[in-house]
Amino acid sequence: MNYSIQPIQTTIPGEGTVTLTSIFMTIAYTVGVTEMHVPYSLLDANGKAWFSFQAVITEAEIDNWGTDDMYIVNLVAQQAGVTLV
């Protein structure tokens, strides 16, 4: 899933200044896991991924999940240091 973020400008050697405008993440939950890894990428307005990482969702966070999928999205965004808009 792709979510808009508050734009972030960063300088990339050899590329110059790049504005990141969205976060793409793949949430895949397996029943019974005690830790969930969520890969995510920070993208520019053209959809080009400039940075890719993995957020780690703890057992306690999984236990608090409930039925709101935005809960996990917000946890990933928080770990990525971005603000969803």
C-alpha atoms as a PDB file:
ATOM      1  CA  MET A   1       0.000   0.000   0.000  1.00  0.00           C
ATOM      2  CA  ASN A   2       1.169   3.501  -0.806  1.00  0.00           C
ATOM      3  CA  TYR A   3       0.478   6.421   1.572  1.00  0.00           C
ATOM      4  CA  SER A   4       1.186  10.138   1.156  1.00  0.00           C
ATOM      5  CA  ILE A   5       3.581  11.698   3.650  1.00  0.00           C
ATOM      6  CA  GLN A   6       4.561  15.214   4.641  1.00  0.00           C
ATOM      7  CA  PRO A   7       7.233  15.942   1.997  1.00  0.00           C
ATOM      8  CA  ILE A   8      10.828  15.490   3.123  1.00  0.00           C
ATOM      9  CA  GLN A   9      13.770  16.930   1.227  1.00  0.00           C
ATOM     10  CA  THR A  10      17.031  15.036   1.386  1.00  0.00           C
ATOM     11  CA  THR A  11      20.330  15.326  -0.413  1.00  0.00           C
ATOM     12  CA  ILE A  12      21.581  12.226  -2.167  1.00  0.00           C
ATOM     13  CA  PRO A  13      25.222  12.210  -3.322  1.00  0.00           C
ATOM     14  CA  GLY A  14      25.387  12.310  -7.104  1.00  0.00           C
ATOM     15  CA  GLU A  15      21.653  13.037  -7.387  1.00  0.00           C
ATOM     16  CA  GLY A  16      21.182  16.338  -5.580  1.00  0.00           C
ATOM     17  CA  THR A  17      18.102  17.236  -3.583  1.00  0.00           C
ATOM     18  CA  VAL A  18      15.236  14.755  -3.703  1.00  0.00           C
ATOM     19  CA  THR A  19      11.765  15.292  -2.253  1.00  0.00           C
ATOM     20  CA  LEU A  20      10.190  12.188  -0.737  1.00  0.00           C
ATOM     21  CA  THR A  21       6.386  12.281  -0.894  1.00  0.00           C
ATOM     22  CA  SER A  22       5.100   8.805  -0.024  1.00  0.00           C
ATOM     23  CA  ILE A  23       5.759   5.610   1.847  1.00  0.00           C
ATOM     24  CA  PHE A  24       5.043   2.195   0.344  1.00  0.00           C
ATOM     25  CA  MET A  25       4.709  -0.771   2.685  1.00  0.00           C
ATOM     26  CA  THR A  26       3.784  -4.426   2.469  1.00  0.00           C
ATOM     27  CA  ILE A  27       1.943  -5.709   5.527  1.00  0.00           C
ATOM     28  CA  ALA A  28       1.763  -9.493   5.666  1.00  0.00           C
ATOM     29  CA  TYR A  29       0.622 -10.952   8.985  1.00  0.00           C
ATOM     30  CA  THR A  30       1.035 -14.632   9.779  1.00  0.00           C
ATOM     31  CA  VAL A  31      -1.079 -15.981  12.634  1.00  0.00           C
ATOM     32  CA  GLY A  32       0.979 -16.771  15.707  1.00  0.00           C
ATOM     33  CA  VAL A  33       4.029 -14.642  14.967  1.00  0.00           C
ATOM     34  CA  THR A  34       5.631 -12.855  17.883  1.00  0.00           C
ATOM     35  CA  GLU A  35       7.356 -10.255  15.714  1.00  0.00           C
ATOM     36  CA  MET A  36       6.337  -8.929  12.314  1.00  0.00           C
ATOM     37  CA  HIS A  37       8.743  -7.358   9.831  1.00  0.00           C
ATOM     38  CA  VAL A  38       7.153  -4.808   7.498  1.00  0.00           C
ATOM     39  CA  PRO A  39       9.262  -3.762   4.499  1.00  0.00           C
ATOM     40  CA  TYR A  40       8.774  -0.162   3.422  1.00  0.00           C
ATOM     41  CA  SER A  41      10.223   2.288   0.932  1.00  0.00           C
ATOM     42  CA  LEU A  42      10.278   6.077   0.788  1.00  0.00           C
ATOM     43  CA  LEU A  43       9.391   7.338  -2.687  1.00  0.00           C
ATOM     44  CA  ASP A  44       9.486  10.571  -4.665  1.00  0.00           C
ATOM     45  CA  ALA A  45       6.529  12.030  -6.592  1.00  0.00           C
ATOM     46  CA  ASN A  46       7.403   9.836  -9.615  1.00  0.00           C
ATOM     47  CA  GLY A  47       7.165   6.679  -7.513  1.00  0.00           C
ATOM     48  CA  LYS A  48      10.907   6.066  -7.467  1.00  0.00           C
ATOM     49  CA  ALA A  49      12.052   4.382  -4.255  1.00  0.00           C
ATOM     50  CA  TRP A  50      15.081   6.104  -2.738  1.00  0.00           C
ATOM     51  CA  PHE A  51      15.298   4.321   0.606  1.00  0.00           C
ATOM     52  CA  SER A  52      14.095   0.874   1.672  1.00  0.00           C
ATOM     53  CA  PHE A  53      14.016  -0.484   5.205  1.00  0.00           C
ATOM     54  CA  GLN A  54      12.069  -2.828   7.476  1.00  0.00           C
ATOM     55  CA  ALA A  55       9.982  -1.806  10.459  1.00  0.00           C
ATOM     56  CA  VAL A  56       9.709  -4.314  13.280  1.00  0.00           C
ATOM     57  CA  ILE A  57       6.328  -4.670  14.951  1.00  0.00           C
ATOM     58  CA  THR A  58       6.671  -6.235  18.401  1.00  0.00           C
ATOM     59  CA  GLU A  59       4.483  -8.904  19.969  1.00  0.00           C
ATOM     60  CA  ALA A  60       2.913  -6.305  22.278  1.00  0.00           C
ATOM     61  CA  GLU A  61       2.084  -4.071  19.308  1.00  0.00           C
ATOM     62  CA  ILE A  62       0.586  -7.031  17.424  1.00  0.00           C
ATOM     63  CA  ASP A  63      -1.517  -7.858  20.494  1.00  0.00           C
ATOM     64  CA  ASN A  64      -2.873  -4.279  20.489  1.00  0.00           C
ATOM     65  CA  TRP A  65      -3.658  -4.328  16.768  1.00  0.00           C
ATOM     66  CA  GLY A  66      -7.367  -5.144  16.823  1.00  0.00           C
ATOM     67  CA  THR A  67      -9.200  -4.570  13.534  1.00  0.00           C
ATOM     68  CA  ASP A  68      -7.828  -1.154  12.509  1.00  0.00           C
ATOM     69  CA  ASP A  69      -5.226  -1.730   9.775  1.00  0.00           C
ATOM     70  CA  MET A  70      -4.159   1.921  10.038  1.00  0.00           C
ATOM     71  CA  TYR A  71      -2.734   1.021  13.459  1.00  0.00           C
ATOM     72  CA  ILE A  72       0.089  -0.927  11.778  1.00  0.00           C
ATOM     73  CA  VAL A  73       0.475   1.688   9.029  1.00  0.00           C
ATOM     74  CA  ASN A  74       0.917   4.374  11.689  1.00  0.00           C
ATOM     75  CA  LEU A  75       3.462   2.259  13.594  1.00  0.00           C
ATOM     76  CA  VAL A  76       5.510   1.791  10.414  1.00  0.00           C
ATOM     77  CA  ALA A  77       5.305   5.505   9.581  1.00  0.00           C
ATOM     78  CA  GLN A  78       6.421   6.336  13.116  1.00  0.00           C
ATOM     79  CA  GLN A  79       9.415   4.005  12.850  1.00  0.00           C
ATOM     80  CA  ALA A  80      10.248   5.522   9.443  1.00  0.00           C
ATOM     81  CA  GLY A  81      10.148   9.003  10.959  1.00  0.00           C
ATOM     82  CA  VAL A  82       7.514  10.305   8.556  1.00  0.00           C
ATOM     83  CA  THR A  83       4.103  11.941   8.987  1.00  0.00           C
ATOM     84  CA  LEU A  84       1.156  10.607   7.007  1.00  0.00           C
ATOM     85  CA  VAL A  85      -1.043  13.212   5.308  1.00  0.00           C
END
